[in-house]
């Protein structure tokens, strides 16, 4: 059984969070062929690994003399932690920071059989090979120094986590507003089509001529943001062409002015630019290339593309100096 003080437990959390960050960032960086600062927070810590490390130690305590039971306890304990953490984060932030949907035998994309088996193996390796020298190391550090190190790490970690949590909430809000803007643009587009169709004396010919351009787009809410804005701009141009000779459009001027104002508001990208200009928020997007969102998939893809373009533009400007 482990007879650690609470300071030692906290230090172990930070230690394994740091080790997890090193392993994951190295793996992803090699895969992407560039440095990727992995994780929810910006500092060199992955809290899931720190929590997982403590979980492995705790659940394996009663089975330290039995290899099979140690493996089974690691499978169950770490998988439960991964699932609860994943579901909670998705509920809070509307995105998944890891996704096993493309893996066989996965459950809700949050956990999968391969990961569960790997957690069990890692528990055995950790408790039998990795942790014993780590334990000797923390016992070797004088208690006063260990306490000071842990307190300083705690201050840094809490500040970093608070900023990252706020950034994740801001990302959630941007995703929600972008998705709402897309729905508003789609509804606006259909309303403009109704007004144009009623105003056009040659309604049947107009629909026939324009069918190739935007026939299917009328009821397609999954069109990309740029396609929607371009389509609505085309409709406003068409209204301007019809306006001089159309009494209906003259009567609809107030509604058209309101639609135009809503259109300009929904296509304002200032909020996204402000979001991406924050290094903490931009890093959270770029540092989690496996981040997924079922409900806001298109909006998240748009933000991810914009983040990459923003980062590349900044890099280009630095290289030019």
Protein backbone atom coordinates (compact mmCIF):
# COMPACT_ATOMS: atom_id res chain seq x y z
CA UNK A 1 0.00 0.00 0.00
CA UNK A 2 1.15 3.56 -0.73
CA UNK A 3 1.78 5.70 2.34
CA UNK A 4 2.08 9.10 0.66
CA UNK A 5 1.28 12.46 2.18
CA UNK A 6 -1.20 14.66 0.34
CA UNK A 7 1.69 16.83 -0.91
CA UNK A 8 3.31 13.75 -2.44
CA UNK A 9 0.03 12.74 -4.11
CA UNK A 10 -0.35 16.22 -5.61
CA UNK A 11 3.25 16.21 -6.80
CA UNK A 12 2.69 12.80 -8.43
CA UNK A 13 -0.31 14.26 -10.27
CA UNK A 14 1.86 17.02 -11.74
CA UNK A 15 4.69 14.60 -12.47
CA UNK A 16 2.54 12.19 -14.47
CA UNK A 17 0.70 15.07 -16.15
CA UNK A 18 4.09 16.31 -17.36
CA UNK A 19 5.23 12.83 -18.48
CA UNK A 20 1.94 12.36 -20.35
CA UNK A 21 2.39 15.73 -22.07
CA UNK A 22 5.93 14.77 -23.15
CA UNK A 23 4.79 11.44 -24.60
CA UNK A 24 1.66 12.76 -26.34
CA UNK A 25 3.24 15.95 -27.70
CA UNK A 26 6.21 13.99 -29.03
CA UNK A 27 3.95 11.44 -30.73
CA UNK A 28 1.66 14.05 -32.31
CA UNK A 29 4.58 16.30 -33.29
CA UNK A 30 6.33 13.43 -35.08
CA UNK A 31 3.08 12.49 -36.79
CA UNK A 32 2.42 16.09 -37.92
CA UNK A 33 6.13 16.73 -38.61
CA UNK A 34 6.00 19.93 -36.56
CA UNK A 35 5.85 20.79 -32.87
CA UNK A 36 2.35 20.47 -31.41
CA UNK A 37 1.68 21.56 -27.84
CA UNK A 38 -0.91 18.94 -26.95
CA UNK A 39 -3.57 19.27 -24.33
CA UNK A 40 -6.41 21.25 -22.86
CA UNK A 41 -4.13 23.68 -21.03
CA UNK A 42 -1.19 25.55 -22.54
CA UNK A 43 1.50 24.54 -20.04
CA UNK A 44 3.40 21.23 -20.30
CA UNK A 45 0.74 19.20 -18.50
CA UNK A 46 -1.98 16.79 -19.57
CA UNK A 47 -4.29 16.50 -16.54
CA UNK A 48 -5.93 13.35 -17.90
CA UNK A 49 -2.61 11.52 -17.67
CA UNK A 50 -1.98 12.87 -14.18
CA UNK A 51 -5.43 11.76 -13.05
CA UNK A 52 -4.97 8.48 -14.88
CA UNK A 53 -1.65 7.86 -13.19
CA UNK A 54 -3.16 8.36 -9.74
CA UNK A 55 -6.15 6.26 -10.73
CA UNK A 56 -3.87 3.40 -11.77
CA UNK A 57 -2.03 3.52 -8.47
CA UNK A 58 -5.22 3.61 -6.42
CA UNK A 59 -7.22 0.90 -8.24
CA UNK A 60 -4.22 -1.45 -8.34
CA UNK A 61 -3.50 -1.15 -4.59
CA UNK A 62 -5.47 -4.26 -3.55
CA UNK A 63 -3.96 -6.35 -6.38
CA UNK A 64 -0.26 -5.52 -6.24
CA UNK A 65 0.69 -9.20 -6.01
CA UNK A 66 -1.58 -10.29 -8.88
CA UNK A 67 -0.55 -9.27 -12.39
CA UNK A 68 -3.86 -10.19 -14.07
CA UNK A 69 -6.01 -8.36 -11.51
CA UNK A 70 -3.73 -5.33 -11.71
CA UNK A 71 -4.25 -5.28 -15.47
CA UNK A 72 -8.03 -5.69 -15.13
CA UNK A 73 -8.27 -2.97 -12.48
CA UNK A 74 -6.32 -0.62 -14.76
CA UNK A 75 -8.63 -1.40 -17.69
CA UNK A 76 -11.76 -0.64 -15.69
CA UNK A 77 -10.53 2.31 -13.63
CA UNK A 78 -8.75 4.25 -16.36
CA UNK A 79 -11.51 3.63 -18.92
CA UNK A 80 -14.15 4.87 -16.48
CA UNK A 81 -12.07 7.99 -15.85
CA UNK A 82 -11.58 8.60 -19.58
CA UNK A 83 -15.30 8.20 -20.28
CA UNK A 84 -16.50 10.46 -17.46
CA UNK A 85 -13.92 13.11 -18.35
CA UNK A 86 -14.80 12.99 -22.06
CA UNK A 87 -18.56 13.18 -21.52
CA UNK A 88 -18.21 16.01 -19.01
CA UNK A 89 -15.94 18.06 -21.27
CA UNK A 90 -18.22 17.57 -24.28
CA UNK A 91 -21.25 18.62 -22.24
CA UNK A 92 -19.45 21.75 -21.05
CA UNK A 93 -17.58 22.80 -24.18
CA UNK A 94 -19.58 21.15 -27.03
CA UNK A 95 -16.44 19.53 -28.45
CA UNK A 96 -14.51 16.30 -27.94
CA UNK A 97 -10.82 16.71 -27.22
CA UNK A 98 -10.28 13.09 -28.27
CA UNK A 99 -12.45 10.93 -30.50
CA UNK A 100 -12.44 7.16 -31.06
CA UNK A 101 -15.32 7.15 -33.53
CA UNK A 102 -13.09 5.69 -36.26
CA UNK A 103 -11.87 2.87 -34.00
CA UNK A 104 -13.46 -0.57 -33.78
CA UNK A 105 -15.55 -1.41 -30.72
CA UNK A 106 -15.88 2.18 -29.56
CA UNK A 107 -18.63 3.53 -27.33
CA UNK A 108 -19.98 6.97 -28.23
CA UNK A 109 -16.53 7.84 -29.56
CA UNK A 110 -15.39 8.48 -25.99
CA UNK A 111 -13.76 5.10 -25.25
CA UNK A 112 -12.81 2.04 -27.27
CA UNK A 113 -11.64 -1.50 -26.68
CA UNK A 114 -8.11 -0.86 -27.91
CA UNK A 115 -7.70 2.07 -25.53
CA UNK A 116 -9.11 0.06 -22.63
CA UNK A 117 -6.67 -2.80 -23.21
CA UNK A 118 -3.80 -0.31 -23.53
CA UNK A 119 -4.77 1.32 -20.22
CA UNK A 120 -4.54 -2.08 -18.54
CA UNK A 121 -1.09 -2.77 -19.97
CA UNK A 122 0.06 0.72 -19.03
CA UNK A 123 -1.16 0.14 -15.46
CA UNK A 124 1.00 -3.00 -15.19
CA UNK A 125 4.03 -1.27 -16.72
CA UNK A 126 3.57 1.77 -14.54
CA UNK A 127 3.08 -0.01 -11.21
CA UNK A 128 5.85 -2.58 -11.83
CA UNK A 129 8.47 -0.59 -13.77
CA UNK A 130 7.85 3.16 -13.92
CA UNK A 131 6.50 4.06 -10.51
CA UNK A 132 9.09 2.40 -8.18
CA UNK A 133 11.96 4.72 -9.24
CA UNK A 134 9.54 7.68 -9.22
CA UNK A 135 8.58 6.75 -5.68
CA UNK A 136 12.24 6.65 -4.64
CA UNK A 137 12.72 10.04 -6.27
CA UNK A 138 9.94 11.79 -4.32
CA UNK A 139 11.12 10.19 -1.07
CA UNK A 140 14.64 11.45 -1.87
CA UNK A 141 13.48 15.09 -2.21
CA UNK A 142 13.48 16.87 1.17
CA UNK A 143 9.93 17.44 2.38
CA UNK A 144 10.33 21.23 2.57
CA UNK A 145 11.61 21.48 -1.01
CA UNK A 146 8.92 19.11 -2.27
CA UNK A 147 6.23 21.19 -0.57
CA UNK A 148 7.59 24.45 -2.07
CA UNK A 149 7.82 22.89 -5.56
CA UNK A 150 4.28 21.52 -5.30
CA UNK A 151 2.83 24.84 -4.14
CA UNK A 152 4.52 26.75 -6.97
CA UNK A 153 3.32 24.18 -9.49
CA UNK A 154 -0.18 24.45 -8.04
CA UNK A 155 -0.24 28.23 -8.49
CA UNK A 156 0.93 27.90 -12.08
CA UNK A 157 -1.43 25.02 -12.85
CA UNK A 158 -4.51 26.71 -11.38
CA UNK A 159 -3.84 29.94 -13.32
CA UNK A 160 -3.21 28.03 -16.56
CA UNK A 161 -6.30 25.85 -16.06
CA UNK A 162 -8.50 28.88 -15.33
CA UNK A 163 -7.37 30.65 -18.51
CA UNK A 164 -7.77 27.47 -20.57
CA UNK A 165 -11.22 26.83 -19.12
CA UNK A 166 -12.26 30.37 -20.06
CA UNK A 167 -10.83 29.88 -23.57
CA UNK A 168 -12.79 26.63 -23.96
CA UNK A 169 -16.01 28.38 -22.91
CA UNK A 170 -15.30 31.17 -25.41
CA UNK A 171 -14.77 28.58 -28.13
CA UNK A 172 -18.10 27.01 -27.22
CA UNK A 173 -19.84 30.40 -27.47
CA UNK A 174 -18.24 31.13 -30.86
CA UNK A 175 -19.33 27.74 -32.17
CA UNK A 176 -22.91 28.28 -31.00
CA UNK A 177 -23.11 31.76 -32.52
CA UNK A 178 -21.57 30.67 -35.83
CA UNK A 179 -24.06 27.81 -36.09
CA UNK A 180 -26.94 30.16 -35.26
CA UNK A 181 -25.71 32.65 -37.86
CA UNK A 182 -25.64 29.87 -40.46
CA UNK A 183 -29.23 28.92 -39.67
CA UNK A 184 -30.30 32.57 -39.80
CA UNK A 185 -28.62 33.00 -43.18
CA UNK A 186 -30.36 29.90 -44.52
CA UNK A 187 -33.77 31.16 -43.36
CA UNK A 188 -32.99 34.61 -44.73
CA UNK A 189 -32.04 33.11 -48.06
CA UNK A 190 -35.35 31.29 -48.37
CA UNK A 191 -37.31 34.42 -47.43
CA UNK A 192 -35.49 36.47 -50.07
CA UNK A 193 -36.28 33.81 -52.66
CA UNK A 194 -39.96 34.08 -51.81
CA UNK A 195 -39.89 37.86 -52.15
CA UNK A 196 -37.98 37.71 -55.43
CA UNK A 197 -40.27 35.03 -56.87
CA UNK A 198 -43.37 37.08 -56.03
CA UNK A 199 -41.85 40.27 -57.42
CA UNK A 200 -40.69 38.80 -60.69
CA UNK A 201 -43.42 39.06 -63.35
CA UNK A 202 -41.82 36.13 -65.16
CA UNK A 203 -41.73 33.95 -62.07
CA UNK A 204 -41.62 30.61 -63.87
CA UNK A 205 -38.83 31.70 -66.19
CA UNK A 206 -36.86 33.15 -63.27
CA UNK A 207 -37.01 29.95 -61.28
CA UNK A 208 -36.05 27.91 -64.33
CA UNK A 209 -33.10 30.19 -65.15
CA UNK A 210 -31.82 30.19 -61.58
CA UNK A 211 -32.45 26.56 -60.75
CA UNK A 212 -28.98 25.48 -61.83
CA UNK A 213 -27.35 28.16 -59.64
CA UNK A 214 -29.12 27.61 -56.36
CA UNK A 215 -32.06 25.24 -56.72
CA UNK A 216 -30.87 22.69 -54.16
CA UNK A 217 -29.51 25.28 -51.77
CA UNK A 218 -32.94 26.49 -50.66
CA UNK A 219 -33.49 23.69 -48.13
CA UNK A 220 -29.89 22.67 -47.52
CA UNK A 221 -28.87 23.85 -44.05
CA UNK A 222 -25.51 22.13 -44.37
CA UNK A 223 -24.15 24.51 -47.03
CA UNK A 224 -20.85 26.12 -46.13
CA UNK A 225 -20.87 29.58 -44.56
CA UNK A 226 -19.26 31.18 -47.59
CA UNK A 227 -21.76 29.66 -50.02
CA UNK A 228 -24.66 31.00 -47.96
CA UNK A 229 -23.31 34.54 -47.85
CA UNK A 230 -22.56 34.52 -51.58
CA UNK A 231 -26.05 33.23 -52.34
CA UNK A 232 -27.68 35.94 -50.24
CA UNK A 233 -25.55 38.65 -51.87
CA UNK A 234 -26.79 37.41 -55.25
CA UNK A 235 -30.36 37.69 -54.04
CA UNK A 236 -29.88 41.26 -52.85
CA UNK A 237 -28.44 42.12 -56.27
CA UNK A 238 -31.46 40.54 -57.91
CA UNK A 239 -33.78 42.60 -55.71
CA UNK A 240 -31.98 45.80 -56.72
CA UNK A 241 -32.52 44.85 -60.36
CA UNK A 242 -36.25 44.29 -59.81
CA UNK A 243 -36.88 47.17 -57.39
CA UNK A 244 -37.55 50.06 -59.84
CA UNK A 245 -40.50 48.30 -61.49
CA UNK A 246 -41.91 46.34 -58.58
CA UNK A 247 -44.62 47.72 -56.30
CA UNK A 248 -44.28 44.64 -54.07
CA UNK A 249 -40.62 45.31 -53.39
CA UNK A 250 -41.39 48.94 -52.60
CA UNK A 251 -43.90 47.71 -50.03
CA UNK A 252 -41.32 45.28 -48.63
CA UNK A 253 -38.59 47.89 -48.21
CA UNK A 254 -38.66 47.80 -44.42
CA UNK A 255 -38.48 44.01 -44.30
CA UNK A 256 -35.66 44.01 -46.87
CA UNK A 257 -33.76 46.63 -44.87
CA UNK A 258 -34.11 44.50 -41.74
CA UNK A 259 -32.95 41.37 -43.60
CA UNK A 260 -29.97 43.29 -44.97
CA UNK A 261 -29.03 44.51 -41.49
CA UNK A 262 -29.25 40.97 -40.06
CA UNK A 263 -27.19 39.68 -42.98
CA UNK A 264 -24.38 42.17 -42.34
CA UNK A 265 -24.44 41.35 -38.62
CA UNK A 266 -24.27 37.59 -39.23
CA UNK A 267 -21.40 37.90 -41.70
CA UNK A 268 -19.29 40.08 -39.40
CA UNK A 269 -16.15 38.02 -38.69
CA UNK A 270 -14.76 40.39 -36.05
CA UNK A 271 -15.62 38.00 -33.21
CA UNK A 272 -13.74 35.13 -34.86
CA UNK A 273 -10.76 37.40 -35.51
CA UNK A 274 -10.68 38.46 -31.85
CA UNK A 275 -10.89 34.82 -30.78
CA UNK A 276 -7.99 33.75 -32.99
CA UNK A 277 -5.81 36.71 -32.01
CA UNK A 278 -5.67 35.32 -28.45
CA UNK A 279 -2.66 33.00 -28.25
CA UNK A 280 -4.31 30.88 -25.53
CA UNK A 281 -7.45 30.29 -27.59
CA UNK A 282 -5.59 29.78 -30.85
CA UNK A 283 -3.25 27.33 -29.15
CA UNK A 284 -6.19 25.33 -27.83
CA UNK A 285 -7.42 24.84 -31.40
CA UNK A 286 -4.03 24.06 -32.94
CA UNK A 287 -2.91 21.92 -30.01
CA UNK A 288 -5.87 19.55 -30.32
CA UNK A 289 -5.95 18.38 -33.97
CA UNK A 290 -8.23 15.46 -33.00
CA UNK A 291 -10.85 17.79 -31.51
CA UNK A 292 -14.31 16.98 -32.88
CA UNK A 293 -17.85 18.30 -32.52
CA UNK A 294 -20.91 16.38 -33.67
CA UNK A 295 -23.32 19.29 -33.47
CA UNK A 296 -20.98 22.08 -34.59
CA UNK A 297 -18.75 20.17 -37.01
CA UNK A 298 -18.79 22.76 -39.82
CA UNK A 299 -18.28 25.72 -37.49
CA UNK A 300 -15.35 23.95 -35.79
CA UNK A 301 -13.79 23.13 -39.16
CA UNK A 302 -14.13 26.78 -40.15
CA UNK A 303 -12.43 27.92 -36.93
CA UNK A 304 -9.68 25.31 -37.34
CA UNK A 305 -8.99 26.42 -40.94
CA UNK A 306 -8.95 30.06 -39.86
CA UNK A 307 -6.59 29.27 -36.98
CA UNK A 308 -4.15 27.52 -39.32
CA UNK A 309 -4.30 30.40 -41.81
CA UNK A 310 -3.82 32.93 -39.01
CA UNK A 311 -0.81 31.03 -37.65
CA UNK A 312 0.73 30.66 -41.11
CA UNK A 313 0.26 34.37 -41.82
CA UNK A 314 1.93 35.33 -38.53
CA UNK A 315 4.81 32.95 -39.24
CA UNK A 316 5.24 34.41 -42.70
CA UNK A 317 5.39 37.95 -41.28
CA UNK A 318 7.99 36.89 -38.70
CA UNK A 319 10.11 35.25 -41.40
CA UNK A 320 9.98 38.43 -43.50
CA UNK A 321 11.35 40.57 -40.67
